[in-house]
């Protein structure tokens, strides 16, 4: 990608914040993603803010909402003010969460 680079530490421990004088963009390690809940063959998901290194169903920072793929209408319920806050401080939504939000916005 043009204009994007990731500054490495050289120790294999992930990205490092660049100098304050640098114009390089550093990706934040916090993601807005789905966490699977529910039973076998009855999926139900929670939309959570989690560290990218945590497992899918592991520890998270905050629960933003829910997604029920089996429900006919209003599948995604989310606190948009908290979503806006987390995106504002640098959290990156996964492709799935971004497409769900786009689909919900187009429907409503």
N, C-alpha and C. Protein backbone atom coordinates (compact mmCIF):
# COMPACT_ATOMS: atom_id res chain seq x y z
N UNK A 1 0.83 -1.17 0.00
CA UNK A 1 0.00 0.00 0.00
C UNK A 1 0.88 1.24 0.00
N UNK A 2 0.53 2.18 -0.78
CA UNK A 2 1.30 3.40 -0.88
C UNK A 2 1.03 4.27 0.35
N UNK A 3 2.09 4.75 0.97
CA UNK A 3 1.94 5.63 2.11
C UNK A 3 1.83 4.92 3.45
N UNK A 4 1.81 3.60 3.45
CA UNK A 4 1.70 2.86 4.69
C UNK A 4 2.96 2.04 4.90
N UNK A 5 3.46 2.03 6.11
CA UNK A 5 4.58 1.16 6.44
C UNK A 5 4.46 0.75 7.89
N UNK A 6 5.07 -0.34 8.21
CA UNK A 6 5.01 -0.86 9.56
C UNK A 6 6.42 -0.85 10.12
N UNK A 7 6.62 -0.17 11.22
CA UNK A 7 7.94 -0.06 11.82
C UNK A 7 8.13 -1.25 12.73
N UNK A 8 9.16 -2.04 12.52
CA UNK A 8 9.41 -3.22 13.33
C UNK A 8 10.47 -2.97 14.38
N UNK A 9 10.46 -3.77 15.42
CA UNK A 9 11.44 -3.63 16.48
C UNK A 9 12.69 -4.44 16.18
N UNK A 10 12.57 -5.44 15.30
CA UNK A 10 13.70 -6.30 15.01
C UNK A 10 13.82 -7.43 16.00
N UNK A 11 12.98 -7.46 17.03
CA UNK A 11 13.04 -8.51 18.04
C UNK A 11 11.96 -9.55 17.83
N UNK A 12 11.09 -9.35 16.83
CA UNK A 12 10.02 -10.29 16.58
C UNK A 12 8.83 -10.09 17.50
N UNK A 13 8.79 -8.99 18.22
CA UNK A 13 7.70 -8.74 19.17
C UNK A 13 6.62 -7.83 18.61
N UNK A 14 6.60 -7.61 17.31
CA UNK A 14 5.55 -6.82 16.72
C UNK A 14 5.96 -5.38 16.45
N UNK A 15 5.00 -4.55 16.08
CA UNK A 15 5.31 -3.18 15.69
C UNK A 15 5.71 -2.31 16.86
N UNK A 16 6.45 -1.27 16.54
CA UNK A 16 6.92 -0.33 17.55
C UNK A 16 6.49 1.06 17.12
N UNK A 17 6.19 1.93 18.05
CA UNK A 17 5.79 3.29 17.70
C UNK A 17 6.98 4.03 17.13
N UNK A 18 6.79 4.73 16.00
CA UNK A 18 7.90 5.47 15.40
C UNK A 18 8.17 6.76 16.17
N UNK A 19 9.22 7.46 15.75
CA UNK A 19 9.54 8.76 16.35
C UNK A 19 8.39 9.73 16.15
N UNK A 20 8.28 10.70 17.04
CA UNK A 20 7.21 11.69 16.90
C UNK A 20 7.43 12.56 15.67
N UNK A 21 8.66 12.58 15.13
CA UNK A 21 8.95 13.38 13.95
C UNK A 21 8.71 12.61 12.65
N UNK A 22 8.39 11.34 12.75
CA UNK A 22 8.20 10.50 11.58
C UNK A 22 6.77 10.61 11.07
N UNK A 23 6.58 10.46 9.77
CA UNK A 23 5.26 10.50 9.16
C UNK A 23 4.74 9.10 8.88
N UNK A 24 5.36 8.09 9.42
CA UNK A 24 4.96 6.72 9.14
C UNK A 24 3.69 6.37 9.91
N UNK A 25 2.85 5.54 9.30
CA UNK A 25 1.60 5.10 9.91
C UNK A 25 1.84 3.76 10.58
N UNK A 26 1.39 3.62 11.82
CA UNK A 26 1.54 2.38 12.56
C UNK A 26 0.15 1.83 12.82
N UNK A 27 -0.04 0.55 12.56
CA UNK A 27 -1.33 -0.08 12.77
C UNK A 27 -1.50 -0.47 14.23
N UNK A 28 -2.67 -0.17 14.79
CA UNK A 28 -2.95 -0.47 16.18
C UNK A 28 -3.27 -1.95 16.33
N UNK A 29 -2.94 -2.51 17.45
CA UNK A 29 -3.15 -3.94 17.68
C UNK A 29 -4.50 -4.23 18.31
N UNK A 30 -5.45 -3.31 18.17
CA UNK A 30 -6.79 -3.53 18.72
C UNK A 30 -7.76 -3.68 17.57
N UNK A 31 -8.58 -4.72 17.62
CA UNK A 31 -9.52 -5.02 16.54
C UNK A 31 -10.95 -5.05 17.08
N UNK A 32 -11.88 -4.68 16.22
CA UNK A 32 -13.31 -4.84 16.51
C UNK A 32 -13.73 -6.07 15.72
N UNK A 33 -14.09 -7.13 16.42
CA UNK A 33 -14.35 -8.41 15.74
C UNK A 33 -15.49 -9.18 16.39
N UNK A 34 -15.83 -10.30 15.77
CA UNK A 34 -16.90 -11.16 16.28
C UNK A 34 -16.32 -12.22 17.21
N UNK A 35 -17.05 -12.51 18.26
CA UNK A 35 -16.70 -13.57 19.20
C UNK A 35 -17.85 -14.56 19.21
N UNK A 36 -17.58 -15.82 18.86
CA UNK A 36 -18.65 -16.79 18.74
C UNK A 36 -19.17 -17.21 20.10
N UNK A 37 -20.48 -17.25 20.18
CA UNK A 37 -21.18 -17.75 21.36
C UNK A 37 -22.26 -18.68 20.85
N UNK A 38 -23.11 -19.19 21.69
CA UNK A 38 -24.18 -20.07 21.24
C UNK A 38 -23.73 -21.52 21.25
N UNK A 39 -24.64 -22.40 20.86
CA UNK A 39 -24.36 -23.83 20.91
C UNK A 39 -24.08 -24.36 19.50
N UNK A 40 -23.88 -25.65 19.41
CA UNK A 40 -23.62 -26.29 18.14
C UNK A 40 -24.78 -26.08 17.18
N UNK A 41 -24.48 -25.65 15.98
CA UNK A 41 -25.46 -25.39 14.92
C UNK A 41 -26.45 -24.27 15.25
N UNK A 42 -26.20 -23.51 16.29
CA UNK A 42 -27.03 -22.35 16.67
C UNK A 42 -26.09 -21.17 16.94
N UNK A 43 -25.42 -20.64 15.91
CA UNK A 43 -24.43 -19.59 16.15
C UNK A 43 -25.06 -18.29 16.63
N UNK A 44 -24.31 -17.62 17.45
CA UNK A 44 -24.67 -16.31 17.99
C UNK A 44 -23.35 -15.61 18.26
N UNK A 45 -23.22 -14.37 17.87
CA UNK A 45 -21.94 -13.69 17.99
C UNK A 45 -22.06 -12.42 18.82
N UNK A 46 -20.98 -12.11 19.52
CA UNK A 46 -20.86 -10.83 20.23
C UNK A 46 -19.85 -10.00 19.46
N UNK A 47 -20.13 -8.73 19.27
CA UNK A 47 -19.19 -7.80 18.64
C UNK A 47 -18.36 -7.20 19.76
N UNK A 48 -17.06 -7.47 19.75
CA UNK A 48 -16.19 -7.06 20.85
C UNK A 48 -14.98 -6.29 20.34
N UNK A 49 -14.37 -5.54 21.23
CA UNK A 49 -13.09 -4.89 20.98
C UNK A 49 -12.06 -5.72 21.72
N UNK A 50 -11.07 -6.24 20.97
CA UNK A 50 -10.10 -7.14 21.58
C UNK A 50 -8.71 -6.88 21.02
N UNK A 51 -7.71 -7.25 21.79
CA UNK A 51 -6.34 -7.22 21.32
C UNK A 51 -6.20 -8.24 20.20
N UNK A 52 -5.47 -7.89 19.16
CA UNK A 52 -5.34 -8.77 17.99
C UNK A 52 -4.64 -10.08 18.34
N UNK A 53 -3.86 -10.10 19.41
CA UNK A 53 -3.13 -11.31 19.78
C UNK A 53 -3.97 -12.30 20.60
N UNK A 54 -5.11 -11.87 21.08
CA UNK A 54 -5.98 -12.75 21.87
C UNK A 54 -6.71 -13.74 20.96
N UNK A 55 -7.05 -14.92 21.48
CA UNK A 55 -7.83 -15.88 20.68
C UNK A 55 -9.22 -15.35 20.36
N UNK A 56 -9.87 -15.96 19.38
CA UNK A 56 -11.18 -15.50 18.92
C UNK A 56 -12.18 -15.41 20.07
N UNK A 57 -12.23 -16.41 20.90
CA UNK A 57 -13.19 -16.43 22.01
C UNK A 57 -12.54 -16.08 23.35
N UNK A 58 -11.39 -15.44 23.29
CA UNK A 58 -10.66 -15.13 24.51
C UNK A 58 -11.05 -13.80 25.13
N UNK A 59 -10.10 -13.24 25.86
CA UNK A 59 -10.31 -12.00 26.59
C UNK A 59 -10.56 -10.83 25.64
N UNK A 60 -11.40 -9.90 26.07
CA UNK A 60 -11.70 -8.72 25.26
C UNK A 60 -11.75 -7.50 26.14
N UNK A 61 -11.71 -6.33 25.50
CA UNK A 61 -11.71 -5.07 26.23
C UNK A 61 -13.12 -4.55 26.53
N UNK A 62 -14.00 -4.65 25.51
CA UNK A 62 -15.36 -4.15 25.69
C UNK A 62 -16.30 -4.86 24.71
N UNK A 63 -17.51 -5.13 25.16
CA UNK A 63 -18.54 -5.70 24.29
C UNK A 63 -19.37 -4.56 23.72
N UNK A 64 -19.44 -4.51 22.37
CA UNK A 64 -20.16 -3.42 21.71
C UNK A 64 -21.58 -3.80 21.30
N UNK A 65 -21.83 -5.08 21.07
CA UNK A 65 -23.16 -5.47 20.62
C UNK A 65 -23.23 -6.95 20.31
N UNK A 66 -24.28 -7.32 19.57
CA UNK A 66 -24.50 -8.72 19.22
C UNK A 66 -24.89 -8.85 17.75
N UNK A 67 -24.68 -10.04 17.22
CA UNK A 67 -25.08 -10.38 15.85
C UNK A 67 -25.67 -11.78 15.87
N UNK A 68 -26.91 -11.89 15.39
CA UNK A 68 -27.60 -13.18 15.33
C UNK A 68 -27.90 -13.50 13.87
N UNK A 69 -27.14 -14.39 13.23
CA UNK A 69 -27.37 -14.69 11.82
C UNK A 69 -28.65 -15.48 11.57
N UNK A 70 -29.26 -16.06 12.59
CA UNK A 70 -30.47 -16.86 12.42
C UNK A 70 -31.74 -16.02 12.50
N UNK A 71 -31.64 -14.80 12.95
CA UNK A 71 -32.79 -13.92 13.09
C UNK A 71 -33.14 -13.31 11.74
N UNK A 72 -34.42 -13.13 11.48
CA UNK A 72 -34.86 -12.62 10.18
C UNK A 72 -34.56 -11.14 9.99
N UNK A 73 -34.83 -10.33 11.00
CA UNK A 73 -34.61 -8.89 10.86
C UNK A 73 -33.81 -8.37 12.05
N UNK A 74 -33.22 -7.20 11.88
CA UNK A 74 -32.41 -6.58 12.94
C UNK A 74 -31.36 -7.55 13.47
N UNK A 75 -30.57 -8.09 12.57
CA UNK A 75 -29.57 -9.08 12.96
C UNK A 75 -28.45 -8.49 13.81
N UNK A 76 -28.03 -7.26 13.48
CA UNK A 76 -26.92 -6.63 14.18
C UNK A 76 -27.43 -5.55 15.12
N UNK A 77 -27.06 -5.66 16.37
CA UNK A 77 -27.38 -4.64 17.38
C UNK A 77 -26.06 -4.18 17.98
N UNK A 78 -25.78 -2.86 17.86
CA UNK A 78 -24.50 -2.37 18.33
C UNK A 78 -24.64 -0.97 18.89
N UNK A 79 -23.83 -0.67 19.90
CA UNK A 79 -23.76 0.68 20.47
C UNK A 79 -22.85 1.51 19.57
N UNK A 80 -23.47 2.28 18.67
CA UNK A 80 -22.69 3.01 17.66
C UNK A 80 -21.82 4.11 18.27
N UNK A 81 -22.23 4.67 19.41
CA UNK A 81 -21.38 5.69 20.03
C UNK A 81 -20.06 5.09 20.51
N UNK A 82 -20.12 3.88 21.06
CA UNK A 82 -18.89 3.21 21.51
C UNK A 82 -18.04 2.75 20.32
N UNK A 83 -18.72 2.30 19.24
CA UNK A 83 -18.00 1.91 18.03
C UNK A 83 -17.24 3.12 17.48
N UNK A 84 -17.90 4.27 17.42
CA UNK A 84 -17.27 5.49 16.92
C UNK A 84 -16.09 5.88 17.80
N UNK A 85 -16.25 5.72 19.11
CA UNK A 85 -15.15 6.03 20.03
C UNK A 85 -13.93 5.16 19.74
N UNK A 86 -14.14 3.85 19.61
CA UNK A 86 -13.02 2.94 19.41
C UNK A 86 -12.35 3.14 18.05
N UNK A 87 -13.14 3.42 17.03
CA UNK A 87 -12.54 3.70 15.72
C UNK A 87 -11.77 5.01 15.78
N UNK A 88 -12.27 5.97 16.55
CA UNK A 88 -11.59 7.25 16.71
C UNK A 88 -10.24 7.14 17.39
N UNK A 89 -10.08 6.18 18.29
CA UNK A 89 -8.80 6.02 18.97
C UNK A 89 -7.89 5.02 18.26
N UNK A 90 -8.36 4.47 17.12
CA UNK A 90 -7.47 3.67 16.29
C UNK A 90 -7.79 2.20 16.15
N UNK A 91 -8.87 1.71 16.73
CA UNK A 91 -9.23 0.30 16.58
C UNK A 91 -9.69 0.05 15.14
N UNK A 92 -9.34 -1.10 14.61
CA UNK A 92 -9.64 -1.43 13.23
C UNK A 92 -10.69 -2.54 13.19
N UNK A 93 -11.84 -2.32 12.54
CA UNK A 93 -12.83 -3.40 12.42
C UNK A 93 -12.35 -4.46 11.43
N UNK A 94 -12.70 -5.71 11.68
CA UNK A 94 -12.39 -6.76 10.73
C UNK A 94 -13.27 -6.60 9.50
N UNK A 95 -12.93 -7.31 8.44
CA UNK A 95 -13.71 -7.23 7.21
C UNK A 95 -15.15 -7.65 7.44
N UNK A 96 -15.36 -8.67 8.26
CA UNK A 96 -16.71 -9.16 8.53
C UNK A 96 -17.54 -8.11 9.25
N UNK A 97 -16.99 -7.49 10.27
CA UNK A 97 -17.72 -6.47 11.01
C UNK A 97 -18.01 -5.27 10.11
N UNK A 98 -17.04 -4.88 9.29
CA UNK A 98 -17.26 -3.75 8.38
C UNK A 98 -18.37 -4.05 7.38
N UNK A 99 -18.41 -5.27 6.86
CA UNK A 99 -19.47 -5.61 5.90
C UNK A 99 -20.82 -5.69 6.58
N UNK A 100 -20.89 -6.17 7.81
CA UNK A 100 -22.15 -6.20 8.54
C UNK A 100 -22.68 -4.79 8.79
N UNK A 101 -21.79 -3.88 9.16
CA UNK A 101 -22.19 -2.50 9.38
C UNK A 101 -22.68 -1.85 8.10
N UNK A 102 -21.99 -2.12 7.00
CA UNK A 102 -22.39 -1.56 5.71
C UNK A 102 -23.77 -2.10 5.30
N UNK A 103 -23.98 -3.39 5.49
CA UNK A 103 -25.26 -4.00 5.14
C UNK A 103 -26.40 -3.45 6.02
N UNK A 104 -26.12 -3.26 7.30
CA UNK A 104 -27.11 -2.71 8.22
C UNK A 104 -27.45 -1.26 7.87
N UNK A 105 -26.43 -0.48 7.51
CA UNK A 105 -26.65 0.92 7.15
C UNK A 105 -27.46 1.01 5.84
N UNK A 106 -27.21 0.12 4.91
CA UNK A 106 -27.93 0.14 3.64
C UNK A 106 -29.40 -0.27 3.84
N UNK A 107 -29.64 -1.20 4.77
CA UNK A 107 -31.00 -1.67 5.02
C UNK A 107 -31.83 -0.65 5.81
N UNK A 108 -31.16 0.10 6.68
CA UNK A 108 -31.91 1.00 7.56
C UNK A 108 -31.71 2.39 7.27
